[in-house]
N, C-alpha and C. Protein backbone atom coordinates (compact mmCIF):
# COMPACT_ATOMS: atom_id res chain seq x y z
N TYR A 1 77.03 111.80 90.27
CA TYR A 1 77.97 112.28 92.05
C TYR A 1 79.19 111.88 90.58
N LEU A 2 80.37 112.53 90.88
CA LEU A 2 81.21 111.75 90.89
C LEU A 2 82.52 112.02 91.57
N GLN A 3 82.65 110.18 92.04
CA GLN A 3 83.65 110.39 93.03
C GLN A 3 85.02 110.91 92.45
N LEU A 4 85.95 111.41 93.21
CA LEU A 4 87.03 111.78 93.05
C LEU A 4 88.27 111.63 94.25
N GLY A 5 87.75 110.98 94.93
CA GLY A 5 88.83 110.35 96.02
C GLY A 5 88.38 110.08 97.36
N ALA A 6 88.87 109.10 98.59
CA ALA A 6 88.56 108.98 99.46
C ALA A 6 90.06 108.80 100.34
N PHE A 7 89.74 109.77 102.01
CA PHE A 7 90.90 109.76 102.49
C PHE A 7 90.18 109.60 103.17
N ALA A 8 91.44 109.69 104.23
CA ALA A 8 91.90 108.80 106.08
C ALA A 8 91.24 110.11 106.27
N SER A 9 92.92 110.68 106.25
CA SER A 9 93.05 112.97 106.32
C SER A 9 91.77 113.14 105.65
N ARG A 10 91.29 113.69 106.85
CA ARG A 10 89.97 115.13 106.28
C ARG A 10 91.39 115.98 105.76
N GLU A 11 92.18 116.32 105.91
CA GLU A 11 92.87 117.15 105.36
C GLU A 11 93.46 117.11 104.17
N SER A 12 94.33 115.74 104.02
CA SER A 12 94.14 115.15 102.55
C SER A 12 92.69 115.52 101.80
N ALA A 13 91.57 114.99 102.82
CA ALA A 13 90.84 115.56 101.87
C ALA A 13 90.70 116.96 101.08
N GLN A 14 90.12 117.70 102.20
CA GLN A 14 90.30 119.50 101.68
C GLN A 14 92.13 119.79 100.94
N LYS A 15 92.58 119.17 100.58
CA LYS A 15 93.68 119.56 99.77
C LYS A 15 93.60 118.99 99.01
N HIS A 16 92.85 117.93 98.66
CA HIS A 16 92.41 117.23 97.29
C HIS A 16 91.55 118.14 96.53
N ALA A 17 90.57 118.57 97.48
CA ALA A 17 88.94 119.30 96.47
C ALA A 17 89.79 120.48 96.07
N ALA A 18 90.50 121.10 97.07
CA ALA A 18 90.84 122.64 96.60
C ALA A 18 91.90 122.20 95.01
N GLU A 19 92.49 121.45 95.80
CA GLU A 19 93.63 120.67 93.85
C GLU A 19 92.00 121.22 92.37
N VAL A 20 91.21 119.81 93.04
CA VAL A 20 90.57 119.62 91.97
C VAL A 20 88.77 121.03 91.17
N ALA A 21 89.24 122.21 92.65
CA ALA A 21 88.52 123.27 91.73
C ALA A 21 89.02 123.80 91.52
N ARG A 22 90.14 124.26 91.52
CA ARG A 22 91.63 124.77 90.51
C ARG A 22 91.05 124.39 89.44
N VAL A 23 90.82 123.03 88.70
CA VAL A 23 90.60 122.56 87.17
C VAL A 23 88.95 122.87 87.52
N THR A 24 87.92 123.25 87.66
CA THR A 24 86.55 122.23 87.20
C THR A 24 85.94 123.68 87.66
N SER A 25 84.58 123.71 86.90
CA SER A 25 83.58 124.43 87.42
C SER A 25 82.94 124.60 88.69
N ARG A 26 83.36 123.40 88.53
CA ARG A 26 82.02 122.70 89.85
C ARG A 26 82.79 123.03 90.87
N SER A 27 82.48 122.98 92.25
CA SER A 27 82.87 123.31 93.62
C SER A 27 82.48 121.45 95.07
N PRO A 28 84.20 121.32 95.22
CA PRO A 28 83.80 119.64 95.50
C PRO A 28 83.70 119.59 97.03
N THR A 29 82.58 118.86 97.20
CA THR A 29 82.32 118.39 98.25
C THR A 29 82.90 117.32 99.58
N ILE A 30 82.70 117.24 101.08
CA ILE A 30 83.55 116.65 101.34
C ILE A 30 82.47 115.57 102.27
N SER A 31 82.37 114.73 102.03
CA SER A 31 81.52 113.64 103.09
C SER A 31 82.16 112.57 104.33
N SER A 32 81.87 112.52 105.51
CA SER A 32 82.23 111.61 105.99
C SER A 32 82.19 110.82 106.16
N VAL A 33 82.32 109.30 106.36
CA VAL A 33 81.54 108.14 107.00
C VAL A 33 82.47 107.17 107.04
N LYS A 34 81.06 106.42 107.75
CA LYS A 34 82.51 105.54 108.43
C LYS A 34 82.74 104.05 108.48
N THR A 35 83.07 102.92 108.00
CA THR A 35 83.09 102.18 107.55
C THR A 35 82.90 100.39 107.97
N ALA A 36 82.49 99.45 107.84
CA ALA A 36 82.57 98.36 108.56
C ALA A 36 83.25 98.25 109.52
N THR A 37 84.98 98.90 109.56
CA THR A 37 86.22 98.55 109.70
C THR A 37 85.81 99.15 111.11
N GLY A 38 85.10 100.21 111.07
CA GLY A 38 85.02 101.64 111.97
C GLY A 38 86.40 103.17 111.48
N GLN A 39 87.27 102.73 110.09
CA GLN A 39 87.55 103.22 109.94
C GLN A 39 86.18 105.11 109.15
N ILE A 40 86.95 105.68 109.40
CA ILE A 40 86.72 106.55 109.07
C ILE A 40 87.55 106.86 107.74
N LEU A 41 85.98 107.95 106.60
CA LEU A 41 86.43 108.05 105.72
C LEU A 41 86.13 109.18 104.59
N HIS A 42 86.26 110.39 104.60
CA HIS A 42 86.73 111.23 104.15
C HIS A 42 86.25 111.63 102.30
N ARG A 43 85.15 111.54 102.00
CA ARG A 43 85.06 111.38 100.36
C ARG A 43 84.84 112.87 100.08
N VAL A 44 85.88 112.63 99.06
CA VAL A 44 84.97 114.15 98.01
C VAL A 44 84.69 114.51 96.79
N ARG A 45 82.94 114.53 97.06
CA ARG A 45 82.83 114.82 95.67
C ARG A 45 82.28 115.25 94.49
N ILE A 46 81.61 115.23 93.35
CA ILE A 46 81.17 117.03 92.67
C ILE A 46 79.60 116.95 92.38
N GLY A 47 79.16 117.11 92.58
CA GLY A 47 77.19 116.73 91.90
C GLY A 47 76.68 117.25 92.61
N PRO A 48 75.36 117.36 92.29
CA PRO A 48 75.55 115.99 91.54
C PRO A 48 74.96 117.48 90.23
N LEU A 49 75.64 115.82 88.77
CA LEU A 49 75.18 116.48 88.31
C LEU A 49 74.55 115.87 86.75
N PHE A 50 73.91 116.88 86.08
CA PHE A 50 72.78 116.18 85.10
C PHE A 50 73.11 115.43 83.82
N SER A 51 74.38 115.23 83.03
CA SER A 51 74.78 114.72 82.76
C SER A 51 75.46 113.81 82.48
N SER A 52 75.85 112.46 81.57
CA SER A 52 76.70 112.27 81.24
C SER A 52 77.49 113.45 80.50
N ARG A 53 77.74 113.36 79.95
CA ARG A 53 78.10 115.55 78.96
C ARG A 53 79.38 115.83 79.80
N GLU A 54 77.98 116.08 81.53
CA GLU A 54 79.19 117.46 82.41
C GLU A 54 78.97 115.79 82.84
N ALA A 55 79.23 114.79 83.69
CA ALA A 55 79.94 114.03 84.05
C ALA A 55 81.48 114.13 83.25
N THR A 56 81.41 113.59 81.75
CA THR A 56 82.61 113.48 81.34
C THR A 56 83.39 114.46 81.29
N GLU A 57 82.71 115.67 80.67
CA GLU A 57 83.99 117.19 80.90
C GLU A 57 84.15 117.33 81.79
N VAL A 58 83.79 117.12 82.87
CA VAL A 58 84.74 117.39 84.74
C VAL A 58 85.62 115.68 84.84
N SER A 59 85.96 115.13 84.51
CA SER A 59 85.87 113.82 84.69
C SER A 59 87.03 113.75 83.66
N ASP A 60 86.93 114.40 82.09
CA ASP A 60 88.32 114.82 82.03
C ASP A 60 88.93 116.18 82.01
N ARG A 61 88.34 116.65 83.06
CA ARG A 61 89.28 117.94 83.44
C ARG A 61 90.60 117.48 84.68
N VAL A 62 89.51 116.40 85.83
CA VAL A 62 90.67 116.03 86.62
C VAL A 62 91.53 115.56 86.16
N ILE A 63 90.98 114.20 85.30
CA ILE A 63 92.34 112.96 84.62
C ILE A 63 93.40 113.93 84.08
N ALA A 64 93.32 115.09 83.39
CA ALA A 64 94.14 115.88 82.78
C ALA A 64 95.40 116.68 83.77
N ALA A 65 94.24 116.99 84.72
CA ALA A 65 94.92 118.09 85.91
C ALA A 65 95.84 116.42 87.07
N ASP A 66 96.15 115.25 86.25
CA ASP A 66 96.25 114.39 86.64
C ASP A 66 96.18 114.51 88.98
N LEU A 67 94.98 114.05 89.24
CA LEU A 67 93.87 114.21 89.90
C LEU A 67 93.19 112.51 90.44
N GLY A 68 94.18 112.50 89.38
CA GLY A 68 93.20 111.17 89.73
C GLY A 68 92.62 110.46 88.74
N THR A 69 91.61 109.02 88.61
CA THR A 69 89.92 108.98 87.55
C THR A 69 89.46 109.12 88.75
N PRO A 70 87.75 109.85 87.87
CA PRO A 70 86.97 109.84 89.57
C PRO A 70 86.14 108.82 88.25
N TYR A 71 85.20 108.65 89.28
CA TYR A 71 84.40 107.43 88.37
C TYR A 71 82.64 108.11 89.84
N VAL A 72 81.22 107.30 88.07
CA VAL A 72 80.32 107.65 88.67
C VAL A 72 79.60 107.51 89.72
N ILE A 73 78.59 108.02 90.70
CA ILE A 73 78.32 106.85 91.96
C ILE A 73 76.92 107.89 92.09
N ALA A 74 75.34 106.99 92.69
CA ALA A 74 74.51 107.44 92.36
C ALA A 74 74.14 107.08 93.31
N GLU A 75 73.89 108.37 94.00
CA GLU A 75 72.96 108.11 95.30
C GLU A 75 71.85 108.53 95.71
């Protein structure tokens, strides 16, 4: 998976996911988690990805569009 961001506001996460979807061929998903401090974070991710090449291609598109710096996570 690539994590594209984590947002306190679900609306912000949805906006970011929509922006990313416009520059990649993959649709991001949003999952909400509660942190140790009780805050809810809405994570924007793409995946699963099946190769490092695919992860690099998606990441490069997101970076080129100035939509952040994704990072690989294992789930």
